[in-house]
Amino acid sequence: MQTIALLIISNIFMTLAWYGHLKFPQWPMITAILVGWGLALVEYCFAVPANRLGYAHGFTASQLKIAQEVITLAVFAVFAAVVLKEPIGWRYAGAFVCLAGAASFMFLGRA
C-alpha cells in the first residue's frame, strides 16, 4: 500500500510538471520549463522510493509500471476535469477499462 500511495503522490507532481503550465499561458517558455523541472524533481523523490520499495516487497518491474500507468490516467483525469475544466467523456472510461484489463493480466496469479 505504501508503494501505491507514493506512486499516487509522484503522479500528482508529474502531472503538474507536464501540464500545470497550461493554466499559465502568459509565462515565458523558460519559466514553464524551470517550474516543470522543479516539480519533476519532487516527483522523482516519490517515484524512486515507490519503485524501490515495491520491487523489494515482491512487485515485478512490469507490475510497477502498469500500476503507474493506471494511476497516471486516474490522476490526469481528475486534473483535466478540475484544473483544465475539460470534460471526462467515454474515451477516459474506455482507456481506463483497457488499462484495468492490462493491470489484471499483469497481476494475474499474484498472491
PDB file of N, CA and C in Angstrom:
ATOM      1  N   MET A   1       0.821  -1.196   0.000  1.00  0.00           N
ATOM      2  CA  MET A   1       0.000   0.000   0.000  1.00  0.00           C
ATOM      3  C   MET A   1       0.868   1.265   0.000  1.00  0.00           C
ATOM      4  N   GLN A   2       1.999   1.201   0.669  1.00  0.00           N
ATOM      5  CA  GLN A   2       2.923   2.336   0.706  1.00  0.00           C
ATOM      6  C   GLN A   2       3.411   2.660  -0.704  1.00  0.00           C
ATOM      7  N   THR A   3       3.691   1.629  -1.470  1.00  0.00           N
ATOM      8  CA  THR A   3       4.146   1.824  -2.850  1.00  0.00           C
ATOM      9  C   THR A   3       3.089   2.557  -3.669  1.00  0.00           C
ATOM     10  N   ILE A   4       1.849   2.135  -3.543  1.00  0.00           N
ATOM     11  CA  ILE A   4       0.766   2.761  -4.314  1.00  0.00           C
ATOM     12  C   ILE A   4       0.575   4.214  -3.881  1.00  0.00           C
ATOM     13  N   ALA A   5       0.621   4.475  -2.585  1.00  0.00           N
ATOM     14  CA  ALA A   5       0.477   5.850  -2.091  1.00  0.00           C
ATOM     15  C   ALA A   5       1.590   6.743  -2.638  1.00  0.00           C
ATOM     16  N   LEU A   6       2.821   6.239  -2.628  1.00  0.00           N
ATOM     17  CA  LEU A   6       3.944   7.020  -3.161  1.00  0.00           C
ATOM     18  C   LEU A   6       3.794   7.246  -4.664  1.00  0.00           C
ATOM     19  N   LEU A   7       3.302   6.243  -5.383  1.00  0.00           N
ATOM     20  CA  LEU A   7       3.085   6.405  -6.823  1.00  0.00           C
ATOM     21  C   LEU A   7       1.997   7.446  -7.106  1.00  0.00           C
ATOM     22  N   ILE A   8       0.968   7.483  -6.276  1.00  0.00           N
ATOM     23  CA  ILE A   8      -0.087   8.490  -6.461  1.00  0.00           C
ATOM     24  C   ILE A   8       0.489   9.890  -6.266  1.00  0.00           C
ATOM     25  N   ILE A   9       1.241  10.079  -5.181  1.00  0.00           N
ATOM     26  CA  ILE A   9       1.857  11.387  -4.924  1.00  0.00           C
ATOM     27  C   ILE A   9       2.799  11.758  -6.072  1.00  0.00           C
ATOM     28  N   SER A  10       3.602  10.797  -6.491  1.00  0.00           N
ATOM     29  CA  SER A  10       4.529  11.012  -7.597  1.00  0.00           C
ATOM     30  C   SER A  10       3.794  11.477  -8.851  1.00  0.00           C
ATOM     31  N   ASN A  11       2.695  10.815  -9.163  1.00  0.00           N
ATOM     32  CA  ASN A  11       1.939  11.154 -10.374  1.00  0.00           C
ATOM     33  C   ASN A  11       1.246  12.506 -10.280  1.00  0.00           C
ATOM     34  N   ILE A  12       0.861  12.905  -9.098  1.00  0.00           N
ATOM     35  CA  ILE A  12       0.283  14.240  -8.940  1.00  0.00           C
ATOM     36  C   ILE A  12       1.327  15.289  -9.323  1.00  0.00           C
ATOM     37  N   PHE A  13       2.552  15.125  -8.810  1.00  0.00           N
ATOM     38  CA  PHE A  13       3.604  16.085  -9.139  1.00  0.00           C
ATOM     39  C   PHE A  13       3.984  16.026 -10.618  1.00  0.00           C
ATOM     40  N   MET A  14       4.021  14.828 -11.204  1.00  0.00           N
ATOM     41  CA  MET A  14       4.402  14.725 -12.614  1.00  0.00           C
ATOM     42  C   MET A  14       3.339  15.343 -13.516  1.00  0.00           C
ATOM     43  N   THR A  15       2.079  15.144 -13.162  1.00  0.00           N
ATOM     44  CA  THR A  15       1.005  15.757 -13.940  1.00  0.00           C
ATOM     45  C   THR A  15       1.099  17.272 -13.872  1.00  0.00           C
ATOM     46  N   LEU A  16       1.384  17.793 -12.677  1.00  0.00           N
ATOM     47  CA  LEU A  16       1.571  19.243 -12.545  1.00  0.00           C
ATOM     48  C   LEU A  16       2.778  19.709 -13.345  1.00  0.00           C
ATOM     49  N   ALA A  17       3.860  18.930 -13.335  1.00  0.00           N
ATOM     50  CA  ALA A  17       5.068  19.307 -14.078  1.00  0.00           C
ATOM     51  C   ALA A  17       4.802  19.346 -15.578  1.00  0.00           C
ATOM     52  N   TRP A  18       4.081  18.362 -16.085  1.00  0.00           N
ATOM     53  CA  TRP A  18       3.866  18.264 -17.522  1.00  0.00           C
ATOM     54  C   TRP A  18       2.747  19.177 -18.032  1.00  0.00           C
ATOM     55  N   TYR A  19       1.696  19.357 -17.223  1.00  0.00           N
ATOM     56  CA  TYR A  19       0.504  20.039 -17.733  1.00  0.00           C
ATOM     57  C   TYR A  19       0.079  21.263 -16.940  1.00  0.00           C
ATOM     58  N   GLY A  20       0.637  21.479 -15.760  1.00  0.00           N
ATOM     59  CA  GLY A  20       0.233  22.617 -14.935  1.00  0.00           C
ATOM     60  C   GLY A  20       0.457  23.961 -15.596  1.00  0.00           C
ATOM     61  N   HIS A  21       1.507  24.061 -16.383  1.00  0.00           N
ATOM     62  CA  HIS A  21       1.827  25.330 -17.058  1.00  0.00           C
ATOM     63  C   HIS A  21       0.770  25.741 -18.074  1.00  0.00           C
ATOM     64  N   LEU A  22      -0.078  24.810 -18.480  1.00  0.00           N
ATOM     65  CA  LEU A  22      -1.127  25.157 -19.449  1.00  0.00           C
ATOM     66  C   LEU A  22      -2.110  26.171 -18.874  1.00  0.00           C
ATOM     67  N   LYS A  23      -2.194  26.245 -17.549  1.00  0.00           N
ATOM     68  CA  LYS A  23      -3.051  27.236 -16.905  1.00  0.00           C
ATOM     69  C   LYS A  23      -2.407  28.624 -16.905  1.00  0.00           C
ATOM     70  N   PHE A  24      -1.142  28.696 -17.293  1.00  0.00           N
ATOM     71  CA  PHE A  24      -0.400  29.958 -17.256  1.00  0.00           C
ATOM     72  C   PHE A  24       0.248  30.255 -18.611  1.00  0.00           C
ATOM     73  N   PRO A  25      -0.568  30.461 -19.639  1.00  0.00           N
ATOM     74  CA  PRO A  25      -0.015  30.681 -20.978  1.00  0.00           C
ATOM     75  C   PRO A  25       0.814  31.964 -21.075  1.00  0.00           C
ATOM     76  N   GLN A  26       0.664  32.859 -20.104  1.00  0.00           N
ATOM     77  CA  GLN A  26       1.429  34.108 -20.118  1.00  0.00           C
ATOM     78  C   GLN A  26       2.874  33.901 -19.658  1.00  0.00           C
ATOM     79  N   TRP A  27       3.185  32.776 -19.048  1.00  0.00           N
ATOM     80  CA  TRP A  27       4.563  32.511 -18.614  1.00  0.00           C
ATOM     81  C   TRP A  27       5.477  32.393 -19.822  1.00  0.00           C
ATOM     82  N   PRO A  28       6.671  32.932 -19.727  1.00  0.00           N
ATOM     83  CA  PRO A  28       7.659  32.653 -20.771  1.00  0.00           C
ATOM     84  C   PRO A  28       7.985  31.151 -20.774  1.00  0.00           C
ATOM     85  N   MET A  29       8.371  30.638 -21.905  1.00  0.00           N
ATOM     86  CA  MET A  29       8.658  29.213 -22.034  1.00  0.00           C
ATOM     87  C   MET A  29       9.696  28.752 -21.011  1.00  0.00           C
ATOM     88  N   ILE A  30      10.741  29.552 -20.791  1.00  0.00           N
ATOM     89  CA  ILE A  30      11.798  29.155 -19.857  1.00  0.00           C
ATOM     90  C   ILE A  30      11.246  29.011 -18.441  1.00  0.00           C
ATOM     91  N   THR A  31      10.311  29.872 -18.070  1.00  0.00           N
ATOM     92  CA  THR A  31       9.685  29.769 -16.746  1.00  0.00           C
ATOM     93  C   THR A  31       8.903  28.467 -16.634  1.00  0.00           C
ATOM     94  N   ALA A  32       8.126  28.152 -17.654  1.00  0.00           N
ATOM     95  CA  ALA A  32       7.358  26.902 -17.649  1.00  0.00           C
ATOM     96  C   ALA A  32       8.293  25.698 -17.546  1.00  0.00           C
ATOM     97  N   ILE A  33       9.403  25.741 -18.262  1.00  0.00           N
ATOM     98  CA  ILE A  33      10.362  24.636 -18.227  1.00  0.00           C
ATOM     99  C   ILE A  33      10.991  24.502 -16.843  1.00  0.00           C
ATOM    100  N   LEU A  34      11.430  25.601 -16.268  1.00  0.00           N
ATOM    101  CA  LEU A  34      12.090  25.544 -14.965  1.00  0.00           C
ATOM    102  C   LEU A  34      11.135  25.120 -13.850  1.00  0.00           C
ATOM    103  N   VAL A  35       9.910  25.623 -13.889  1.00  0.00           N
ATOM    104  CA  VAL A  35       8.914  25.194 -12.903  1.00  0.00           C
ATOM    105  C   VAL A  35       8.629  23.704 -13.082  1.00  0.00           C
ATOM    106  N   GLY A  36       8.496  23.274 -14.331  1.00  0.00           N
ATOM    107  CA  GLY A  36       8.270  21.854 -14.610  1.00  0.00           C
ATOM    108  C   GLY A  36       9.410  20.990 -14.102  1.00  0.00           C
ATOM    109  N   TRP A  37      10.639  21.414 -14.312  1.00  0.00           N
ATOM    110  CA  TRP A  37      11.793  20.653 -13.815  1.00  0.00           C
ATOM    111  C   TRP A  37      11.787  20.564 -12.302  1.00  0.00           C
ATOM    112  N   GLY A  38      11.444  21.670 -11.652  1.00  0.00           N
ATOM    113  CA  GLY A  38      11.374  21.666 -10.192  1.00  0.00           C
ATOM    114  C   GLY A  38      10.335  20.681  -9.678  1.00  0.00           C
ATOM    115  N   LEU A  39       9.174  20.673 -10.314  1.00  0.00           N
ATOM    116  CA  LEU A  39       8.127  19.726  -9.933  1.00  0.00           C
ATOM    117  C   LEU A  39       8.534  18.294 -10.249  1.00  0.00           C
ATOM    118  N   ALA A  40       9.227  18.105 -11.361  1.00  0.00           N
ATOM    119  CA  ALA A  40       9.683  16.758 -11.721  1.00  0.00           C
ATOM    120  C   ALA A  40      10.706  16.237 -10.716  1.00  0.00           C
ATOM    121  N   LEU A  41      11.523  17.114 -10.175  1.00  0.00           N
ATOM    122  CA  LEU A  41      12.471  16.699  -9.143  1.00  0.00           C
ATOM    123  C   LEU A  41      11.732  16.171  -7.918  1.00  0.00           C
ATOM    124  N   VAL A  42      10.691  16.870  -7.505  1.00  0.00           N
ATOM    125  CA  VAL A  42       9.881  16.406  -6.376  1.00  0.00           C
ATOM    126  C   VAL A  42       9.237  15.066  -6.729  1.00  0.00           C
ATOM    127  N   GLU A  43       8.750  14.957  -7.961  1.00  0.00           N
ATOM    128  CA  GLU A  43       8.136  13.701  -8.418  1.00  0.00           C
ATOM    129  C   GLU A  43       9.110  12.544  -8.271  1.00  0.00           C
ATOM    130  N   TYR A  44      10.355  12.748  -8.676  1.00  0.00           N
ATOM    131  CA  TYR A  44      11.363  11.690  -8.564  1.00  0.00           C
ATOM    132  C   TYR A  44      11.611  11.303  -7.117  1.00  0.00           C
ATOM    133  N   CYS A  45      11.496  12.253  -6.204  1.00  0.00           N
ATOM    134  CA  CYS A  45      11.699  11.970  -4.779  1.00  0.00           C
ATOM    135  C   CYS A  45      10.625  11.029  -4.232  1.00  0.00           C
ATOM    136  N   PHE A  46       9.514  10.896  -4.923  1.00  0.00           N
ATOM    137  CA  PHE A  46       8.472   9.935  -4.550  1.00  0.00           C
ATOM    138  C   PHE A  46       8.503   8.691  -5.433  1.00  0.00           C
ATOM    139  N   ALA A  47       8.798   8.854  -6.722  1.00  0.00           N
ATOM    140  CA  ALA A  47       8.775   7.721  -7.651  1.00  0.00           C
ATOM    141  C   ALA A  47       9.881   6.715  -7.366  1.00  0.00           C
ATOM    142  N   VAL A  48      11.084   7.208  -7.107  1.00  0.00           N
ATOM    143  CA  VAL A  48      12.208   6.290  -6.877  1.00  0.00           C
ATOM    144  C   VAL A  48      11.963   5.436  -5.631  1.00  0.00           C
ATOM    145  N   PRO A  49      11.593   6.027  -4.488  1.00  0.00           N
ATOM    146  CA  PRO A  49      11.310   5.169  -3.331  1.00  0.00           C
ATOM    147  C   PRO A  49      10.122   4.231  -3.569  1.00  0.00           C
ATOM    148  N   ALA A  50       9.103   4.716  -4.273  1.00  0.00           N
ATOM    149  CA  ALA A  50       7.947   3.855  -4.560  1.00  0.00           C
ATOM    150  C   ALA A  50       8.384   2.604  -5.307  1.00  0.00           C
ATOM    151  N   ASN A  51       9.183   2.795  -6.337  1.00  0.00           N
ATOM    152  CA  ASN A  51       9.616   1.655  -7.144  1.00  0.00           C
ATOM    153  C   ASN A  51      10.602   0.761  -6.401  1.00  0.00           C
ATOM    154  N   ARG A  52      11.496   1.340  -5.640  1.00  0.00           N
ATOM    155  CA  ARG A  52      12.448   0.531  -4.874  1.00  0.00           C
ATOM    156  C   ARG A  52      11.743  -0.283  -3.795  1.00  0.00           C
ATOM    157  N   LEU A  53      10.828   0.365  -3.074  1.00  0.00           N
ATOM    158  CA  LEU A  53      10.078  -0.352  -2.034  1.00  0.00           C
ATOM    159  C   LEU A  53       9.194  -1.432  -2.644  1.00  0.00           C
ATOM    160  N   GLY A  54       8.501  -1.077  -3.707  1.00  0.00           N
ATOM    161  CA  GLY A  54       7.632  -2.056  -4.357  1.00  0.00           C
ATOM    162  C   GLY A  54       8.400  -3.255  -4.863  1.00  0.00           C
ATOM    163  N   TYR A  55       9.536  -3.010  -5.476  1.00  0.00           N
ATOM    164  CA  TYR A  55      10.365  -4.105  -6.005  1.00  0.00           C
ATOM    165  C   TYR A  55      10.905  -4.971  -4.867  1.00  0.00           C
ATOM    166  N   ALA A  56      11.313  -4.332  -3.792  1.00  0.00           N
ATOM    167  CA  ALA A  56      11.838  -5.069  -2.636  1.00  0.00           C
ATOM    168  C   ALA A  56      10.758  -5.906  -1.950  1.00  0.00           C
ATOM    169  N   HIS A  57       9.505  -5.485  -2.096  1.00  0.00           N
ATOM    170  CA  HIS A  57       8.405  -6.207  -1.455  1.00  0.00           C
ATOM    171  C   HIS A  57       7.656  -7.130  -2.413  1.00  0.00           C
ATOM    172  N   GLY A  58       8.275  -7.463  -3.525  1.00  0.00           N
ATOM    173  CA  GLY A  58       7.720  -8.508  -4.374  1.00  0.00           C
ATOM    174  C   GLY A  58       7.029  -8.101  -5.654  1.00  0.00           C
ATOM    175  N   PHE A  59       6.876  -6.810  -5.914  1.00  0.00           N
ATOM    176  CA  PHE A  59       6.328  -6.403  -7.206  1.00  0.00           C
ATOM    177  C   PHE A  59       7.405  -6.586  -8.263  1.00  0.00           C
ATOM    178  N   THR A  60       7.011  -6.988  -9.453  1.00  0.00           N
ATOM    179  CA  THR A  60       7.959  -7.009 -10.556  1.00  0.00           C
ATOM    180  C   THR A  60       8.028  -5.606 -11.150  1.00  0.00           C
ATOM    181  N   ALA A  61       9.066  -5.351 -11.934  1.00  0.00           N
ATOM    182  CA  ALA A  61       9.176  -4.048 -12.598  1.00  0.00           C
ATOM    183  C   ALA A  61       7.977  -3.819 -13.518  1.00  0.00           C
ATOM    184  N   SER A  62       7.527  -4.855 -14.186  1.00  0.00           N
ATOM    185  CA  SER A  62       6.370  -4.736 -15.081  1.00  0.00           C
ATOM    186  C   SER A  62       5.105  -4.405 -14.306  1.00  0.00           C
ATOM    187  N   GLN A  63       4.932  -5.010 -13.153  1.00  0.00           N
ATOM    188  CA  GLN A  63       3.769  -4.702 -12.331  1.00  0.00           C
ATOM    189  C   GLN A  63       3.810  -3.264 -11.828  1.00  0.00           C
ATOM    190  N   LEU A  64       4.982  -2.810 -11.443  1.00  0.00           N
ATOM    191  CA  LEU A  64       5.117  -1.426 -11.006  1.00  0.00           C
ATOM    192  C   LEU A  64       4.782  -0.463 -12.140  1.00  0.00           C
ATOM    193  N   LYS A  65       5.221  -0.790 -13.343  1.00  0.00           N
ATOM    194  CA  LYS A  65       4.971   0.083 -14.495  1.00  0.00           C
ATOM    195  C   LYS A  65       3.485   0.144 -14.830  1.00  0.00           C
ATOM    196  N   ILE A  66       2.823  -0.985 -14.852  1.00  0.00           N
ATOM    197  CA  ILE A  66       1.403  -0.969 -15.216  1.00  0.00           C
ATOM    198  C   ILE A  66       0.586  -0.286 -14.125  1.00  0.00           C
ATOM    199  N   ALA A  67       0.968  -0.472 -12.857  1.00  0.00           N
ATOM    200  CA  ALA A  67       0.289   0.231 -11.763  1.00  0.00           C
ATOM    201  C   ALA A  67       0.457   1.738 -11.938  1.00  0.00           C
ATOM    202  N   GLN A  68       1.667   2.148 -12.292  1.00  0.00           N
ATOM    203  CA  GLN A  68       1.940   3.571 -12.506  1.00  0.00           C
ATOM    204  C   GLN A  68       1.085   4.119 -13.643  1.00  0.00           C
ATOM    205  N   GLU A  69       0.892   3.365 -14.694  1.00  0.00           N
ATOM    206  CA  GLU A  69       0.087   3.827 -15.835  1.00  0.00           C
ATOM    207  C   GLU A  69      -1.383   3.995 -15.453  1.00  0.00           C
ATOM    208  N   VAL A  70      -1.910   3.058 -14.678  1.00  0.00           N
ATOM    209  CA  VAL A  70      -3.295   3.158 -14.227  1.00  0.00           C
ATOM    210  C   VAL A  70      -3.464   4.386 -13.340  1.00  0.00           C
ATOM    211  N   ILE A  71      -2.523   4.575 -12.423  1.00  0.00           N
ATOM    212  CA  ILE A  71      -2.560   5.743 -11.536  1.00  0.00           C
ATOM    213  C   ILE A  71      -2.434   7.030 -12.343  1.00  0.00           C
ATOM    214  N   THR A  72      -1.549   7.033 -13.336  1.00  0.00           N
ATOM    215  CA  THR A  72      -1.370   8.220 -14.179  1.00  0.00           C
ATOM    216  C   THR A  72      -2.671   8.629 -14.849  1.00  0.00           C
ATOM    217  N   LEU A  73      -3.379   7.683 -15.420  1.00  0.00           N
ATOM    218  CA  LEU A  73      -4.632   8.014 -16.099  1.00  0.00           C
ATOM    219  C   LEU A  73      -5.659   8.550 -15.108  1.00  0.00           C
ATOM    220  N   ALA A  74      -5.753   7.938 -13.940  1.00  0.00           N
ATOM    221  CA  ALA A  74      -6.715   8.403 -12.939  1.00  0.00           C
ATOM    222  C   ALA A  74      -6.372   9.815 -12.470  1.00  0.00           C
ATOM    223  N   VAL A  75      -5.103  10.052 -12.160  1.00  0.00           N
ATOM    224  CA  VAL A  75      -4.672  11.379 -11.707  1.00  0.00           C
ATOM    225  C   VAL A  75      -4.907  12.413 -12.811  1.00  0.00           C
ATOM    226  N   PHE A  76      -4.553  12.065 -14.047  1.00  0.00           N
ATOM    227  CA  PHE A  76      -4.732  13.015 -15.144  1.00  0.00           C
ATOM    228  C   PHE A  76      -6.202  13.333 -15.383  1.00  0.00           C
ATOM    229  N   ALA A  77      -7.066  12.332 -15.286  1.00  0.00           N
ATOM    230  CA  ALA A  77      -8.490  12.576 -15.499  1.00  0.00           C
ATOM    231  C   ALA A  77      -9.013  13.593 -14.490  1.00  0.00           C
ATOM    232  N   VAL A  78      -8.630  13.439 -13.239  1.00  0.00           N
ATOM    233  CA  VAL A  78      -9.052  14.399 -12.220  1.00  0.00           C
ATOM    234  C   VAL A  78      -8.467  15.779 -12.517  1.00  0.00           C
ATOM    235  N   PHE A  79      -7.180  15.836 -12.863  1.00  0.00           N
ATOM    236  CA  PHE A  79      -6.522  17.102 -13.190  1.00  0.00           C
ATOM    237  C   PHE A  79      -7.208  17.784 -14.373  1.00  0.00           C
ATOM    238  N   ALA A  80      -7.467  17.025 -15.427  1.00  0.00           N
ATOM    239  CA  ALA A  80      -8.095  17.595 -16.619  1.00  0.00           C
ATOM    240  C   ALA A  80      -9.476  18.166 -16.299  1.00  0.00           C
ATOM    241  N   ALA A  81     -10.220  17.459 -15.474  1.00  0.00           N
ATOM    242  CA  ALA A  81     -11.571  17.909 -15.143  1.00  0.00           C
ATOM    243  C   ALA A  81     -11.555  19.098 -14.185  1.00  0.00           C
ATOM    244  N   VAL A  82     -10.735  19.022 -13.151  1.00  0.00           N
ATOM    245  CA  VAL A  82     -10.764  20.046 -12.099  1.00  0.00           C
ATOM    246  C   VAL A  82      -9.957  21.284 -12.479  1.00  0.00           C
ATOM    247  N   VAL A  83      -8.746  21.087 -12.980  1.00  0.00           N
ATOM    248  CA  VAL A  83      -7.859  22.222 -13.245  1.00  0.00           C
ATOM    249  C   VAL A  83      -8.075  22.799 -14.642  1.00  0.00           C
ATOM    250  N   LEU A  84      -8.114  21.939 -15.643  1.00  0.00           N
ATOM    251  CA  LEU A  84      -8.245  22.421 -17.020  1.00  0.00           C
ATOM    252  C   LEU A  84      -9.694  22.548 -17.475  1.00  0.00           C
ATOM    253  N   LYS A  85     -10.613  22.085 -16.648  1.00  0.00           N
ATOM    254  CA  LYS A  85     -12.056  22.173 -16.944  1.00  0.00           C
ATOM    255  C   LYS A  85     -12.428  21.441 -18.230  1.00  0.00           C
ATOM    256  N   GLU A  86     -11.737  20.340 -18.498  1.00  0.00           N
ATOM    257  CA  GLU A  86     -12.055  19.515 -19.664  1.00  0.00           C
ATOM    258  C   GLU A  86     -13.034  18.425 -19.237  1.00  0.00           C
ATOM    259  N   PRO A  87     -14.013  18.142 -20.056  1.00  0.00           N
ATOM    260  CA  PRO A  87     -14.984  17.115 -19.669  1.00  0.00           C
ATOM    261  C   PRO A  87     -14.383  15.708 -19.716  1.00  0.00           C
ATOM    262  N   ILE A  88     -14.823  14.889 -18.781  1.00  0.00           N
ATOM    263  CA  ILE A  88     -14.421  13.487 -18.767  1.00  0.00           C
ATOM    264  C   ILE A  88     -15.473  12.730 -19.578  1.00  0.00           C
ATOM    265  N   GLY A  89     -15.070  12.205 -20.702  1.00  0.00           N
ATOM    266  CA  GLY A  89     -16.014  11.532 -21.588  1.00  0.00           C
ATOM    267  C   GLY A  89     -15.789  10.040 -21.651  1.00  0.00           C
ATOM    268  N   TRP A  90     -16.428   9.434 -22.602  1.00  0.00           N
ATOM    269  CA  TRP A  90     -16.370   7.990 -22.745  1.00  0.00           C
ATOM    270  C   TRP A  90     -14.967   7.499 -23.077  1.00  0.00           C
ATOM    271  N   ARG A  91     -14.138   8.337 -23.680  1.00  0.00           N
ATOM    272  CA  ARG A  91     -12.771   7.919 -24.017  1.00  0.00           C
ATOM    273  C   ARG A  91     -11.956   7.623 -22.759  1.00  0.00           C
ATOM    274  N   TYR A  92     -12.155   8.443 -21.721  1.00  0.00           N
ATOM    275  CA  TYR A  92     -11.464   8.185 -20.457  1.00  0.00           C
ATOM    276  C   TYR A  92     -11.906   6.832 -19.887  1.00  0.00           C
ATOM    277  N   ALA A  93     -13.205   6.605 -19.913  1.00  0.00           N
ATOM    278  CA  ALA A  93     -13.729   5.343 -19.385  1.00  0.00           C
ATOM    279  C   ALA A  93     -13.178   4.158 -20.180  1.00  0.00           C
ATOM    280  N   GLY A  94     -13.161   4.283 -21.490  1.00  0.00           N
ATOM    281  CA  GLY A  94     -12.627   3.206 -22.328  1.00  0.00           C
ATOM    282  C   GLY A  94     -11.149   2.958 -22.077  1.00  0.00           C
ATOM    283  N   ALA A  95     -10.384   4.036 -21.972  1.00  0.00           N
ATOM    284  CA  ALA A  95      -8.953   3.902 -21.705  1.00  0.00           C
ATOM    285  C   ALA A  95      -8.713   3.280 -20.339  1.00  0.00           C
ATOM    286  N   PHE A  96      -9.509   3.688 -19.361  1.00  0.00           N
ATOM    287  CA  PHE A  96      -9.341   3.140 -18.018  1.00  0.00           C
ATOM    288  C   PHE A  96      -9.677   1.648 -17.998  1.00  0.00           C
ATOM    289  N   VAL A  97     -10.733   1.253 -18.706  1.00  0.00           N
ATOM    290  CA  VAL A  97     -11.091  -0.169 -18.779  1.00  0.00           C
ATOM    291  C   VAL A  97      -9.955  -0.966 -19.430  1.00  0.00           C
ATOM    292  N   CYS A  98      -9.385  -0.422 -20.497  1.00  0.00           N
ATOM    293  CA  CYS A  98      -8.270  -1.108 -21.166  1.00  0.00           C
ATOM    294  C   CYS A  98      -7.066  -1.250 -20.234  1.00  0.00           C
ATOM    295  N   LEU A  99      -6.732  -0.173 -19.518  1.00  0.00           N
ATOM    296  CA  LEU A  99      -5.606  -0.248 -18.582  1.00  0.00           C
ATOM    297  C   LEU A  99      -5.909  -1.179 -17.413  1.00  0.00           C
ATOM    298  N   ALA A 100      -7.144  -1.177 -16.941  1.00  0.00           N
ATOM    299  CA  ALA A 100      -7.517  -2.085 -15.853  1.00  0.00           C
ATOM    300  C   ALA A 100      -7.379  -3.530 -16.322  1.00  0.00           C
ATOM    301  N   GLY A 101      -7.754  -3.780 -17.567  1.00  0.00           N
ATOM    302  CA  GLY A 101      -7.561  -5.118 -18.128  1.00  0.00           C
ATOM    303  C   GLY A 101      -6.091  -5.489 -18.209  1.00  0.00           C
ATOM    304  N   ALA A 102      -5.266  -4.548 -18.647  1.00  0.00           N
ATOM    305  CA  ALA A 102      -3.821  -4.798 -18.712  1.00  0.00           C
ATOM    306  C   ALA A 102      -3.264  -5.063 -17.322  1.00  0.00           C
ATOM    307  N   ALA A 103      -3.713  -4.290 -16.355  1.00  0.00           N
ATOM    308  CA  ALA A 103      -3.254  -4.492 -14.976  1.00  0.00           C
ATOM    309  C   ALA A 103      -3.682  -5.858 -14.465  1.00  0.00           C
ATOM    310  N   SER A 104      -4.892  -6.262 -14.801  1.00  0.00           N
ATOM    311  CA  SER A 104      -5.370  -7.578 -14.374  1.00  0.00           C
ATOM    312  C   SER A 104      -4.478  -8.686 -14.916  1.00  0.00           C
ATOM    313  N   PHE A 105      -4.110  -8.582 -16.181  1.00  0.00           N
ATOM    314  CA  PHE A 105      -3.212  -9.583 -16.757  1.00  0.00           C
ATOM    315  C   PHE A 105      -1.852  -9.566 -16.073  1.00  0.00           C
ATOM    316  N   MET A 106      -1.346  -8.384 -15.776  1.00  0.00           N
ATOM    317  CA  MET A 106      -0.022  -8.264 -15.180  1.00  0.00           C
ATOM    318  C   MET A 106       0.007  -8.813 -13.755  1.00  0.00           C
ATOM    319  N   PHE A 107      -1.102  -8.659 -13.036  1.00  0.00           N
ATOM    320  CA  PHE A 107      -1.154  -9.086 -11.648  1.00  0.00           C
ATOM    321  C   PHE A 107      -1.789 -10.457 -11.479  1.00  0.00           C
ATOM    322  N   LEU A 108      -2.211 -11.079 -12.561  1.00  0.00           N
ATOM    323  CA  LEU A 108      -2.850 -12.389 -12.514  1.00  0.00           C
ATOM    324  C   LEU A 108      -1.955 -13.400 -11.816  1.00  0.00           C
ATOM    325  N   GLY A 109      -2.505 -14.058 -10.823  1.00  0.00           N
ATOM    326  CA  GLY A 109      -1.743 -15.076 -10.115  1.00  0.00           C
ATOM    327  C   GLY A 109      -0.895 -14.538  -8.978  1.00  0.00           C
ATOM    328  N   ARG A 110      -0.890 -13.224  -8.783  1.00  0.00           N
ATOM    329  CA  ARG A 110      -0.120 -12.635  -7.677  1.00  0.00           C
ATOM    330  C   ARG A 110      -0.910 -12.781  -6.400  1.00  0.00           C
ATOM    331  N   ALA A 111      -0.289 -13.323  -5.377  1.00  0.00           N
ATOM    332  CA  ALA A 111      -0.973 -13.536  -4.099  1.00  0.00           C
ATOM    333  C   ALA A 111      -1.132 -12.238  -3.350  1.00  0.00           C
TER     334      ALA A 111
END
